[in-house]
N, C-alpha and C. Protein backbone atom coordinates (compact mmCIF):
# COMPACT_ATOMS: atom_id res chain seq x y z
N MET A 1 9.54 -80.48 -99.90
CA MET A 1 8.12 -80.46 -99.63
C MET A 1 7.40 -81.35 -100.64
N LEU A 2 6.40 -82.03 -100.21
CA LEU A 2 5.63 -82.90 -101.08
C LEU A 2 4.57 -82.10 -101.84
N GLN A 3 4.33 -82.50 -103.07
CA GLN A 3 3.23 -81.94 -103.86
C GLN A 3 1.96 -82.69 -103.46
N THR A 4 0.85 -81.96 -103.44
CA THR A 4 -0.43 -82.53 -103.01
C THR A 4 -1.48 -82.26 -104.07
N GLN A 5 -2.31 -83.25 -104.33
CA GLN A 5 -3.43 -83.01 -105.24
C GLN A 5 -4.65 -83.82 -104.80
N CYS A 6 -5.80 -83.29 -105.17
CA CYS A 6 -7.06 -84.00 -104.96
C CYS A 6 -7.92 -83.79 -106.19
N LEU A 7 -8.39 -84.89 -106.76
CA LEU A 7 -9.27 -84.84 -107.93
C LEU A 7 -10.65 -85.33 -107.55
N LYS A 8 -11.66 -84.69 -108.10
CA LYS A 8 -13.05 -85.13 -107.97
C LYS A 8 -13.43 -85.73 -109.31
N VAL A 9 -13.58 -87.06 -109.34
CA VAL A 9 -13.81 -87.77 -110.60
C VAL A 9 -15.20 -88.39 -110.59
N PRO A 10 -16.04 -88.04 -111.57
CA PRO A 10 -17.36 -88.66 -111.64
C PRO A 10 -17.25 -90.16 -111.90
N ILE A 11 -18.08 -90.93 -111.22
CA ILE A 11 -18.20 -92.36 -111.50
C ILE A 11 -19.29 -92.51 -112.55
N ILE A 12 -19.00 -93.28 -113.59
CA ILE A 12 -19.98 -93.49 -114.65
C ILE A 12 -21.21 -94.18 -114.05
N PRO A 13 -22.41 -93.65 -114.32
CA PRO A 13 -23.63 -94.25 -113.75
C PRO A 13 -23.70 -95.75 -114.05
N GLY A 14 -24.05 -96.50 -113.02
CA GLY A 14 -24.14 -97.94 -113.12
C GLY A 14 -22.84 -98.66 -112.77
N LYS A 15 -21.76 -97.91 -112.57
CA LYS A 15 -20.45 -98.50 -112.27
C LYS A 15 -20.04 -98.30 -110.81
N GLU A 16 -20.91 -97.68 -110.03
CA GLU A 16 -20.57 -97.35 -108.65
C GLU A 16 -20.20 -98.59 -107.83
N ALA A 17 -20.99 -99.64 -107.93
CA ALA A 17 -20.73 -100.86 -107.14
C ALA A 17 -19.40 -101.48 -107.54
N GLU A 18 -19.08 -101.49 -108.81
CA GLU A 18 -17.80 -102.07 -109.26
C GLU A 18 -16.62 -101.31 -108.65
N VAL A 19 -16.70 -99.99 -108.67
CA VAL A 19 -15.63 -99.17 -108.09
C VAL A 19 -15.51 -99.43 -106.60
N LYS A 20 -16.63 -99.37 -105.89
CA LYS A 20 -16.60 -99.54 -104.44
C LYS A 20 -16.15 -100.95 -104.05
N ASN A 21 -16.60 -101.97 -104.77
CA ASN A 21 -16.21 -103.34 -104.46
C ASN A 21 -14.72 -103.56 -104.69
N TRP A 22 -14.18 -103.02 -105.79
CA TRP A 22 -12.76 -103.20 -106.06
C TRP A 22 -11.93 -102.52 -104.98
N LEU A 23 -12.29 -101.28 -104.63
CA LEU A 23 -11.54 -100.56 -103.60
C LEU A 23 -11.65 -101.26 -102.24
N ALA A 24 -12.82 -101.78 -101.92
CA ALA A 24 -12.99 -102.50 -100.65
C ALA A 24 -12.11 -103.74 -100.61
N ALA A 25 -11.94 -104.41 -101.74
CA ALA A 25 -11.11 -105.61 -101.80
C ALA A 25 -9.63 -105.31 -101.55
N LEU A 26 -9.23 -104.07 -101.75
CA LEU A 26 -7.83 -103.71 -101.52
C LEU A 26 -7.43 -103.83 -100.05
N SER A 27 -8.41 -103.84 -99.16
CA SER A 27 -8.10 -103.95 -97.73
C SER A 27 -7.43 -105.28 -97.39
N THR A 28 -7.53 -106.26 -98.28
CA THR A 28 -6.87 -107.56 -98.06
C THR A 28 -5.58 -107.68 -98.86
N ARG A 29 -5.19 -106.60 -99.52
CA ARG A 29 -4.02 -106.64 -100.41
C ARG A 29 -2.99 -105.57 -100.02
N HIS A 30 -2.74 -105.47 -98.72
CA HIS A 30 -1.87 -104.41 -98.20
C HIS A 30 -0.50 -104.39 -98.87
N GLN A 31 0.14 -105.54 -99.00
CA GLN A 31 1.50 -105.58 -99.57
C GLN A 31 1.51 -105.09 -101.01
N GLU A 32 0.50 -105.47 -101.78
CA GLU A 32 0.43 -105.02 -103.17
C GLU A 32 0.22 -103.51 -103.27
N VAL A 33 -0.63 -102.99 -102.41
CA VAL A 33 -0.88 -101.54 -102.40
C VAL A 33 0.41 -100.81 -102.04
N LEU A 34 1.09 -101.27 -101.00
CA LEU A 34 2.33 -100.63 -100.59
C LEU A 34 3.41 -100.73 -101.66
N GLU A 35 3.49 -101.87 -102.34
CA GLU A 35 4.46 -102.03 -103.42
C GLU A 35 4.17 -101.03 -104.55
N ALA A 36 2.91 -100.87 -104.87
CA ALA A 36 2.53 -99.95 -105.95
C ALA A 36 2.87 -98.51 -105.60
N ILE A 37 2.45 -98.05 -104.44
CA ILE A 37 2.71 -96.64 -104.12
C ILE A 37 4.19 -96.39 -103.89
N THR A 38 4.91 -97.37 -103.37
CA THR A 38 6.35 -97.22 -103.20
C THR A 38 7.05 -97.12 -104.55
N SER A 39 6.64 -97.95 -105.51
CA SER A 39 7.28 -97.93 -106.83
C SER A 39 7.01 -96.63 -107.57
N GLU A 40 5.95 -95.94 -107.20
CA GLU A 40 5.58 -94.67 -107.83
C GLU A 40 6.05 -93.47 -107.00
N ASP A 41 6.71 -93.73 -105.89
CA ASP A 41 7.20 -92.70 -104.97
C ASP A 41 6.06 -91.83 -104.44
N ILE A 42 4.93 -92.47 -104.16
CA ILE A 42 3.78 -91.80 -103.55
C ILE A 42 3.98 -91.84 -102.03
N ALA A 43 3.90 -90.69 -101.39
CA ALA A 43 4.03 -90.63 -99.93
C ALA A 43 2.76 -91.16 -99.27
N ASP A 44 1.62 -90.69 -99.71
CA ASP A 44 0.35 -91.21 -99.24
C ASP A 44 -0.73 -90.93 -100.26
N GLU A 45 -1.75 -91.76 -100.17
CA GLU A 45 -2.84 -91.71 -101.14
C GLU A 45 -4.11 -92.14 -100.43
N ALA A 46 -5.21 -91.51 -100.78
CA ALA A 46 -6.50 -91.89 -100.22
C ALA A 46 -7.57 -91.70 -101.29
N MET A 47 -8.61 -92.52 -101.21
CA MET A 47 -9.73 -92.41 -102.14
C MET A 47 -11.01 -92.37 -101.32
N PHE A 48 -11.87 -91.42 -101.68
CA PHE A 48 -13.12 -91.21 -100.97
C PHE A 48 -14.28 -91.31 -101.95
N TYR A 49 -15.37 -91.88 -101.50
CA TYR A 49 -16.59 -91.97 -102.30
C TYR A 49 -17.58 -90.94 -101.79
N ALA A 50 -18.26 -90.27 -102.72
CA ALA A 50 -19.29 -89.30 -102.33
C ALA A 50 -20.50 -89.44 -103.24
N LYS A 51 -21.67 -89.53 -102.62
CA LYS A 51 -22.94 -89.50 -103.36
C LYS A 51 -23.49 -88.09 -103.18
N GLU A 52 -23.56 -87.36 -104.29
CA GLU A 52 -23.97 -85.96 -104.27
C GLU A 52 -25.20 -85.80 -105.16
N PRO A 53 -25.92 -84.71 -105.04
CA PRO A 53 -27.10 -84.51 -105.88
C PRO A 53 -26.81 -84.60 -107.38
N SER A 54 -25.59 -84.23 -107.78
CA SER A 54 -25.25 -84.25 -109.21
C SER A 54 -24.68 -85.59 -109.68
N GLY A 55 -24.51 -86.55 -108.77
CA GLY A 55 -23.98 -87.85 -109.17
C GLY A 55 -23.11 -88.44 -108.08
N GLU A 56 -22.39 -89.50 -108.46
CA GLU A 56 -21.50 -90.18 -107.51
C GLU A 56 -20.07 -89.97 -107.98
N PHE A 57 -19.18 -89.75 -106.99
CA PHE A 57 -17.82 -89.32 -107.30
C PHE A 57 -16.80 -90.11 -106.49
N LEU A 58 -15.62 -90.20 -107.07
CA LEU A 58 -14.46 -90.71 -106.36
C LEU A 58 -13.51 -89.53 -106.20
N TYR A 59 -13.14 -89.24 -104.96
CA TYR A 59 -12.15 -88.20 -104.68
C TYR A 59 -10.81 -88.90 -104.51
N LEU A 60 -9.83 -88.50 -105.31
CA LEU A 60 -8.50 -89.11 -105.29
C LEU A 60 -7.51 -88.11 -104.72
N TYR A 61 -6.93 -88.44 -103.58
CA TYR A 61 -5.97 -87.59 -102.89
C TYR A 61 -4.60 -88.24 -102.95
N SER A 62 -3.58 -87.48 -103.34
CA SER A 62 -2.21 -88.01 -103.42
C SER A 62 -1.22 -86.97 -102.97
N ARG A 63 -0.11 -87.47 -102.38
CA ARG A 63 1.03 -86.61 -102.07
C ARG A 63 2.28 -87.35 -102.51
N ALA A 64 3.16 -86.61 -103.17
CA ALA A 64 4.41 -87.20 -103.66
C ALA A 64 5.44 -86.09 -103.86
N PRO A 65 6.72 -86.45 -103.88
CA PRO A 65 7.74 -85.43 -104.16
C PRO A 65 7.52 -84.77 -105.52
N ASP A 66 7.06 -85.55 -106.50
CA ASP A 66 6.79 -85.02 -107.84
C ASP A 66 5.62 -85.80 -108.42
N LEU A 67 4.46 -85.16 -108.46
CA LEU A 67 3.24 -85.85 -108.93
C LEU A 67 3.33 -86.25 -110.39
N ALA A 68 4.03 -85.49 -111.22
CA ALA A 68 4.17 -85.85 -112.63
C ALA A 68 4.99 -87.13 -112.77
N VAL A 69 6.06 -87.25 -112.00
CA VAL A 69 6.89 -88.45 -112.02
C VAL A 69 6.08 -89.65 -111.51
N ALA A 70 5.32 -89.43 -110.45
CA ALA A 70 4.48 -90.51 -109.90
C ALA A 70 3.45 -90.97 -110.93
N GLY A 71 2.83 -90.03 -111.62
CA GLY A 71 1.85 -90.38 -112.63
C GLY A 71 2.46 -91.15 -113.79
N ALA A 72 3.64 -90.74 -114.21
CA ALA A 72 4.33 -91.45 -115.30
C ALA A 72 4.69 -92.87 -114.86
N ALA A 73 5.14 -93.02 -113.62
CA ALA A 73 5.48 -94.36 -113.11
C ALA A 73 4.24 -95.24 -113.07
N PHE A 74 3.11 -94.68 -112.68
CA PHE A 74 1.86 -95.45 -112.67
C PHE A 74 1.50 -95.88 -114.09
N GLN A 75 1.60 -94.99 -115.04
CA GLN A 75 1.24 -95.32 -116.42
C GLN A 75 2.12 -96.43 -116.98
N LYS A 76 3.38 -96.47 -116.60
CA LYS A 76 4.32 -97.49 -117.08
C LYS A 76 4.22 -98.80 -116.30
N SER A 77 3.61 -98.75 -115.13
CA SER A 77 3.60 -99.90 -114.22
C SER A 77 2.93 -101.12 -114.84
N GLN A 78 3.56 -102.27 -114.61
CA GLN A 78 2.99 -103.54 -115.02
C GLN A 78 2.51 -104.35 -113.82
N LEU A 79 2.53 -103.74 -112.64
CA LEU A 79 2.05 -104.44 -111.44
C LEU A 79 0.57 -104.79 -111.63
N PRO A 80 0.16 -106.01 -111.26
CA PRO A 80 -1.24 -106.41 -111.43
C PRO A 80 -2.23 -105.42 -110.81
N ILE A 81 -1.94 -104.90 -109.63
CA ILE A 81 -2.86 -103.99 -108.96
C ILE A 81 -3.01 -102.69 -109.75
N ASP A 82 -1.93 -102.21 -110.35
CA ASP A 82 -2.00 -101.00 -111.18
C ASP A 82 -2.72 -101.28 -112.49
N GLN A 83 -2.51 -102.45 -113.06
CA GLN A 83 -3.23 -102.82 -114.28
C GLN A 83 -4.73 -102.89 -114.01
N GLU A 84 -5.11 -103.43 -112.85
CA GLU A 84 -6.52 -103.49 -112.48
C GLU A 84 -7.10 -102.08 -112.32
N PHE A 85 -6.35 -101.19 -111.67
CA PHE A 85 -6.87 -99.84 -111.48
C PHE A 85 -6.98 -99.09 -112.80
N LYS A 86 -6.06 -99.34 -113.71
CA LYS A 86 -6.17 -98.72 -115.04
C LYS A 86 -7.45 -99.19 -115.74
N ARG A 87 -7.78 -100.48 -115.60
CA ARG A 87 -9.00 -101.00 -116.21
C ARG A 87 -10.24 -100.38 -115.54
N ILE A 88 -10.25 -100.36 -114.22
CA ILE A 88 -11.37 -99.77 -113.48
C ILE A 88 -11.53 -98.31 -113.88
N SER A 89 -10.42 -97.59 -113.95
CA SER A 89 -10.46 -96.18 -114.32
C SER A 89 -11.06 -95.99 -115.71
N ALA A 90 -10.60 -96.79 -116.66
CA ALA A 90 -11.07 -96.64 -118.04
C ALA A 90 -12.55 -97.00 -118.18
N GLU A 91 -13.00 -97.99 -117.45
CA GLU A 91 -14.38 -98.47 -117.60
C GLU A 91 -15.39 -97.76 -116.70
N CYS A 92 -14.92 -97.20 -115.58
CA CYS A 92 -15.85 -96.74 -114.56
C CYS A 92 -15.74 -95.27 -114.18
N LEU A 93 -14.66 -94.61 -114.57
CA LEU A 93 -14.46 -93.23 -114.14
C LEU A 93 -14.41 -92.29 -115.34
N ASP A 94 -15.01 -91.12 -115.18
CA ASP A 94 -15.05 -90.12 -116.25
C ASP A 94 -14.01 -89.04 -115.99
N TYR A 95 -12.76 -89.35 -116.35
CA TYR A 95 -11.67 -88.40 -116.10
C TYR A 95 -11.79 -87.14 -116.93
N ARG A 96 -12.50 -87.19 -118.06
CA ARG A 96 -12.67 -85.98 -118.88
C ARG A 96 -13.46 -84.91 -118.12
N SER A 97 -14.29 -85.34 -117.19
CA SER A 97 -15.09 -84.40 -116.40
C SER A 97 -14.53 -84.18 -114.99
N ALA A 98 -13.34 -84.71 -114.74
CA ALA A 98 -12.73 -84.57 -113.42
C ALA A 98 -12.41 -83.11 -113.12
N ILE A 99 -12.45 -82.80 -111.86
CA ILE A 99 -12.13 -81.45 -111.38
C ILE A 99 -10.95 -81.56 -110.43
N ARG A 100 -9.91 -80.77 -110.69
CA ARG A 100 -8.77 -80.69 -109.77
C ARG A 100 -9.15 -79.67 -108.70
N LEU A 101 -9.21 -80.12 -107.46
CA LEU A 101 -9.58 -79.23 -106.36
C LEU A 101 -8.42 -78.31 -106.01
N GLU A 102 -8.75 -77.10 -105.63
CA GLU A 102 -7.73 -76.11 -105.29
C GLU A 102 -7.20 -76.38 -103.88
N LEU A 103 -5.90 -76.51 -103.78
CA LEU A 103 -5.26 -76.72 -102.48
C LEU A 103 -5.18 -75.39 -101.74
N LEU A 104 -5.76 -75.34 -100.55
CA LEU A 104 -5.71 -74.13 -99.74
C LEU A 104 -4.77 -74.29 -98.55
N LEU A 105 -4.63 -75.50 -98.04
CA LEU A 105 -3.76 -75.73 -96.89
C LEU A 105 -3.32 -77.18 -96.88
N SER A 106 -2.06 -77.40 -96.61
CA SER A 106 -1.51 -78.73 -96.41
C SER A 106 -0.56 -78.64 -95.23
N ALA A 107 -0.78 -79.45 -94.21
CA ALA A 107 0.07 -79.45 -93.02
C ALA A 107 0.59 -80.86 -92.78
N ASP A 108 1.84 -80.96 -92.40
CA ASP A 108 2.47 -82.26 -92.19
C ASP A 108 3.24 -82.21 -90.88
N SER A 109 2.73 -82.87 -89.85
CA SER A 109 3.37 -82.82 -88.54
C SER A 109 4.69 -83.60 -88.52
N ARG A 110 4.81 -84.63 -89.37
CA ARG A 110 6.05 -85.43 -89.39
C ARG A 110 7.21 -84.64 -89.97
N ASN A 111 6.93 -83.89 -91.02
CA ASN A 111 7.99 -83.14 -91.70
C ASN A 111 7.99 -81.66 -91.32
N LYS A 112 7.12 -81.28 -90.42
CA LYS A 112 7.09 -79.93 -89.83
C LYS A 112 6.92 -78.83 -90.88
N TYR A 113 5.90 -78.97 -91.74
CA TYR A 113 5.65 -77.87 -92.65
C TYR A 113 4.16 -77.64 -92.80
N VAL A 114 3.84 -76.42 -93.17
CA VAL A 114 2.48 -76.01 -93.50
C VAL A 114 2.59 -75.28 -94.83
N TYR A 115 1.70 -75.64 -95.76
CA TYR A 115 1.71 -75.02 -97.08
C TYR A 115 0.32 -74.46 -97.34
N PRO A 116 0.13 -73.38 -97.98
CA PRO A 116 1.12 -72.47 -98.54
C PRO A 116 1.70 -71.54 -97.51
């Protein structure tokens, strides 16, 4: 079974356009994105933007066989796309204030499981 996580990460005020523009540019870099998530053994990943009364946020959703292993692989990665995301993360995202959302249900029709 794959591990699933979703983080709600505040975007540093004034950095919203930089985050959104960089993520939008990834739509032309399919091979690089696939190479990165494959090298980290990520099954799937999605990022969502939300403008809320308390600020602007990036929701990061990931599924992998082992999220700790995937995170370590990302940290070690020298792929240009991962290096760019590390820079964007450091300059534009407030991970100290991130919230890990509680997983209540995960269903996968391809692998025929429902969790919990």
